[in-house]
Amino acid sequence: MTSWAFARGANTFELKMNIVEERSHAMDLETYCPVCREEQEHEILASSHDLVVRCESCGNVQRIPLPEEGEQVSVKAIVSFEESSRVCRVELPSGESCAVGDRLVVECGDEYIGVEVTAIERDQKRVKRALASEISTIWTRKIEEVVVRVSLHDGRTTSPLFIDVAGEEPFEVGGVYRHSGRQFRIVQMKLRNGAVMRKEGWKTVARRLKRIYAVPSS
């Protein structure tokens, strides 16, 4: 299980999830300043389709892009739970592969459920792995944990992170988290129903998240 830590004041407690509760209202990242002509610390002033940042050295304000989301495909997903099964849908990045054992979140009407892939059908044959765009049906079983996708943007490049957490694990805009030795601050969260959460302090749970957009935090 992923190791997380929770910090409050001078004390540190080991928890399943690493939420650093101490946070300032200003959020910072290091990116290139066209006035200083070098990498500088910038304060994030606003976030929407991109980030509005101000150089802490010269005061220059600029916009830098958030990563764009790639094309998605909707795939039929059969979800098994105990003695019953349901026909649901799951959205997957068309250029990425899906494999037996992967953990996903599927949409069953108005409900979002964490599942593990148990079988994949491509060209009327069962396979262990396939590109999402080639899959006709996936078979899954209901589980309690889900994978949260994080796009970590440092001002020039974007790195993907994949975090296994309980489906009811909370995430918060402005919250600081640590995963695999990398600490980041959430600037916005895209939900599976298409809504985007941008206001600091807004919260949701992991199973409702489509993607988190974050910047490095020291």
Protein backbone atom coordinates (compact mmCIF):
# COMPACT_ATOMS: atom_id res chain seq x y z
CA MET A 1 0.00 0.00 0.00
CA THR A 2 1.22 3.52 -0.78
CA SER A 3 2.84 5.24 2.19
CA TRP A 4 1.46 8.64 3.06
CA ALA A 5 2.18 11.02 5.94
CA PHE A 6 0.05 13.67 7.63
CA ALA A 7 1.69 16.77 9.09
CA ARG A 8 0.18 19.20 11.60
CA GLY A 9 2.48 21.74 13.26
CA ALA A 10 5.67 20.08 14.46
CA ASN A 11 4.16 16.61 14.75
CA THR A 12 4.03 14.01 11.97
CA PHE A 13 1.65 11.04 11.96
CA GLU A 14 1.83 8.07 9.58
CA LEU A 15 -1.48 7.50 7.78
CA LYS A 16 -2.63 5.62 4.69
CA MET A 17 -2.77 8.94 2.87
CA ASN A 18 -0.37 11.84 3.01
CA ILE A 19 -2.23 15.11 3.46
CA VAL A 20 -0.20 18.09 4.59
CA GLU A 21 -2.80 20.24 6.32
CA GLU A 22 -0.64 23.28 6.80
CA ARG A 23 -1.19 25.42 3.73
CA SER A 24 -0.89 29.07 2.85
CA HIS A 25 -3.38 30.82 0.60
CA ALA A 26 -0.63 31.52 -1.96
CA MET A 27 0.53 28.66 -4.14
CA ASP A 28 3.96 28.69 -5.78
CA LEU A 29 5.79 26.94 -8.58
CA GLU A 30 9.08 27.41 -10.40
CA THR A 31 8.81 28.31 -14.09
CA TYR A 32 10.58 30.38 -16.78
CA CYS A 33 10.16 34.16 -16.53
CA PRO A 34 10.49 35.94 -19.92
CA VAL A 35 11.51 39.20 -18.18
CA CYS A 36 14.18 37.71 -15.90
CA ARG A 37 15.10 35.25 -18.68
CA GLU A 38 15.58 32.42 -16.21
CA GLU A 39 13.69 30.04 -13.93
CA GLN A 40 12.10 31.89 -11.02
CA GLU A 41 9.61 31.18 -8.24
CA HIS A 42 6.09 32.26 -9.28
CA GLU A 43 2.94 32.76 -7.24
CA ILE A 44 -0.21 31.21 -8.73
CA LEU A 45 -2.85 33.94 -8.91
CA ALA A 46 -5.64 32.00 -10.64
CA SER A 47 -6.36 28.76 -12.49
CA SER A 48 -8.94 27.88 -15.14
CA HIS A 49 -7.98 26.43 -18.52
CA ASP A 50 -4.47 27.67 -17.72
CA LEU A 51 -2.54 29.16 -14.79
CA VAL A 52 -2.05 32.88 -14.14
CA VAL A 53 1.27 33.32 -12.31
CA ARG A 54 3.36 36.24 -11.03
CA CYS A 55 7.14 36.22 -10.83
CA GLU A 56 8.28 36.74 -7.25
CA SER A 57 11.49 38.38 -8.47
CA CYS A 58 10.29 41.02 -10.99
CA GLY A 59 6.48 40.93 -10.61
CA ASN A 60 5.78 39.96 -14.23
CA VAL A 61 2.40 38.27 -14.69
CA GLN A 62 1.96 35.60 -17.37
CA ARG A 63 -0.24 32.67 -18.32
CA ILE A 64 1.13 29.13 -18.57
CA PRO A 65 -0.92 26.22 -19.89
CA LEU A 66 -2.34 23.33 -17.95
CA PRO A 67 -1.91 20.00 -19.76
CA GLU A 68 -4.65 19.16 -22.22
CA GLU A 69 -6.56 15.96 -21.79
CA GLY A 70 -6.24 13.47 -24.63
CA GLU A 71 -9.07 11.88 -26.59
CA GLN A 72 -11.24 9.53 -24.53
CA VAL A 73 -13.21 6.46 -25.64
CA SER A 74 -16.26 5.01 -23.89
CA VAL A 75 -16.05 1.25 -23.35
CA LYS A 76 -18.72 -1.16 -22.11
CA ALA A 77 -17.85 -2.58 -18.70
CA ILE A 78 -19.51 -5.57 -17.03
CA VAL A 79 -19.27 -5.14 -13.26
CA SER A 80 -19.61 -8.21 -11.03
CA PHE A 81 -20.40 -7.93 -7.33
CA GLU A 82 -21.15 -11.02 -5.25
CA GLU A 83 -23.84 -12.94 -7.23
CA SER A 84 -24.98 -10.07 -9.49
CA SER A 85 -23.58 -8.09 -12.44
CA ARG A 86 -24.30 -4.72 -14.07
CA VAL A 87 -23.62 -3.25 -17.51
CA CYS A 88 -21.78 0.07 -17.10
CA ARG A 89 -19.44 2.34 -19.08
CA VAL A 90 -15.87 3.50 -18.53
CA GLU A 91 -13.93 6.30 -20.22
CA LEU A 92 -10.33 5.48 -21.15
CA PRO A 93 -7.60 7.47 -22.96
CA SER A 94 -7.76 6.12 -26.53
CA GLY A 95 -3.99 5.88 -26.94
CA GLU A 96 -3.33 4.03 -23.69
CA SER A 97 -3.56 0.33 -23.05
CA CYS A 98 -5.76 -1.43 -20.53
CA ALA A 99 -4.71 -4.71 -18.91
CA VAL A 100 -6.14 -7.42 -16.69
CA GLY A 101 -5.55 -6.32 -13.11
CA ASP A 102 -5.88 -2.59 -13.84
CA ARG A 103 -8.02 -0.58 -11.45
CA LEU A 104 -10.60 1.78 -12.94
CA VAL A 105 -13.67 3.80 -12.04
CA VAL A 106 -16.79 2.93 -14.06
CA GLU A 107 -20.03 4.85 -14.47
CA CYS A 108 -23.21 2.94 -13.64
CA GLY A 109 -26.04 5.39 -14.16
CA ASP A 110 -25.51 8.11 -11.55
CA GLU A 111 -23.10 5.97 -9.53
CA TYR A 112 -19.30 5.71 -9.83
CA ILE A 113 -17.76 2.41 -8.76
CA GLY A 114 -14.15 1.31 -8.27
CA VAL A 115 -13.38 -1.92 -10.16
CA GLU A 116 -10.53 -4.26 -11.12
CA VAL A 117 -10.31 -5.58 -14.68
CA THR A 118 -10.68 -9.37 -14.85
CA ALA A 119 -11.01 -9.90 -18.64
CA ILE A 120 -10.78 -7.92 -21.90
CA GLU A 121 -12.46 -8.57 -25.25
CA ARG A 122 -10.88 -7.38 -28.51
CA ASP A 123 -12.02 -8.60 -31.95
CA GLN A 124 -14.28 -11.18 -30.25
CA LYS A 125 -11.27 -12.68 -28.47
CA ARG A 126 -10.21 -12.57 -24.82
CA VAL A 127 -6.82 -10.87 -24.36
CA LYS A 128 -4.81 -9.78 -21.34
CA ARG A 129 -3.99 -6.31 -22.68
CA ALA A 130 -5.24 -4.05 -25.49
CA LEU A 131 -5.37 -0.41 -26.56
CA ALA A 132 -8.50 1.27 -25.23
CA SER A 133 -9.62 2.17 -28.77
CA GLU A 134 -9.59 -1.55 -29.73
CA ILE A 135 -11.56 -2.88 -26.76
CA SER A 136 -15.21 -3.86 -27.20
CA THR A 137 -15.93 -4.99 -23.62
CA ILE A 138 -14.14 -5.32 -20.31
CA TRP A 139 -15.19 -7.56 -17.43
CA THR A 140 -14.54 -6.29 -13.92
CA ARG A 141 -15.18 -6.93 -10.25
CA LYS A 142 -16.14 -4.29 -7.71
CA ILE A 143 -13.39 -3.24 -5.28
CA GLU A 144 -13.01 -0.61 -2.58
CA GLU A 145 -9.88 1.08 -3.98
CA VAL A 146 -9.52 3.27 -7.09
CA VAL A 147 -6.64 4.85 -9.04
CA VAL A 148 -6.47 8.65 -9.03
CA ARG A 149 -4.72 10.28 -12.00
CA VAL A 150 -2.60 13.35 -11.27
CA SER A 151 -1.08 15.67 -13.89
CA LEU A 152 1.88 17.33 -12.16
CA HIS A 153 2.88 20.50 -14.07
CA ASP A 154 6.16 22.24 -13.22
CA GLY A 155 5.74 25.16 -15.65
CA ARG A 156 7.42 23.46 -18.61
CA THR A 157 6.66 19.75 -18.49
CA THR A 158 3.87 17.57 -17.16
CA SER A 159 4.45 14.31 -15.29
CA PRO A 160 1.69 11.73 -14.70
CA LEU A 161 1.18 10.18 -11.27
CA PHE A 162 -1.14 7.27 -10.45
CA ILE A 163 -2.23 6.91 -6.84
CA ASP A 164 -4.07 3.91 -5.34
CA VAL A 165 -6.47 5.06 -2.63
CA ALA A 166 -9.82 4.09 -1.12
CA GLY A 167 -12.77 5.27 -3.20
CA GLU A 168 -14.02 7.45 -0.34
CA GLU A 169 -10.61 9.09 0.27
CA PRO A 170 -11.05 12.90 0.27
CA PHE A 171 -9.05 15.33 -1.88
CA GLU A 172 -9.08 19.11 -1.58
CA VAL A 173 -8.17 22.03 -3.87
CA GLY A 174 -5.18 23.73 -2.25
CA GLY A 175 -4.26 20.57 -0.35
CA VAL A 176 -0.64 19.38 -0.34
CA TYR A 177 0.04 15.67 -0.88
CA ARG A 178 3.10 13.45 -1.20
CA HIS A 179 3.42 10.36 -3.40
CA SER A 180 6.51 8.36 -4.37
CA GLY A 181 8.78 11.01 -2.88
CA ARG A 182 7.13 13.89 -4.79
CA GLN A 183 5.14 16.57 -2.99
CA PHE A 184 2.49 18.53 -4.87
CA ARG A 185 -0.33 21.02 -4.34
CA ILE A 186 -3.71 20.59 -6.04
CA VAL A 187 -4.75 23.61 -8.14
CA GLN A 188 -7.91 22.13 -9.66
CA MET A 189 -9.84 18.87 -9.91
CA LYS A 190 -11.92 17.60 -12.83
CA LEU A 191 -14.85 15.41 -11.88
CA ARG A 192 -16.29 12.50 -13.84
CA ASN A 193 -19.52 14.41 -14.48
CA GLY A 194 -17.52 17.13 -16.29
CA ALA A 195 -17.51 19.71 -13.49
CA VAL A 196 -14.22 21.42 -12.53
CA MET A 197 -13.39 22.37 -8.93
CA ARG A 198 -11.05 25.38 -8.74
CA LYS A 199 -11.84 27.16 -5.45
CA GLU A 200 -9.37 26.50 -2.65
CA GLY A 201 -10.98 24.40 0.07
CA TRP A 202 -13.45 22.60 -2.23
CA LYS A 203 -13.39 18.85 -1.61
CA THR A 204 -14.47 15.61 -3.25
CA VAL A 205 -13.74 11.88 -2.92
CA ALA A 206 -11.42 9.77 -5.08
CA ARG A 207 -14.09 7.76 -6.91
CA ARG A 208 -15.64 10.98 -8.30
CA LEU A 209 -12.32 12.29 -9.68
CA LYS A 210 -11.41 12.10 -13.34
CA ARG A 211 -8.12 13.97 -13.00
CA ILE A 212 -6.22 16.16 -10.57
CA TYR A 213 -4.08 19.05 -11.81
CA ALA A 214 -1.23 19.93 -9.49
CA VAL A 215 2.05 21.83 -9.19
CA PRO A 216 5.18 20.95 -7.19
CA SER A 217 5.22 22.07 -3.55
CA SER A 218 8.29 22.38 -1.35
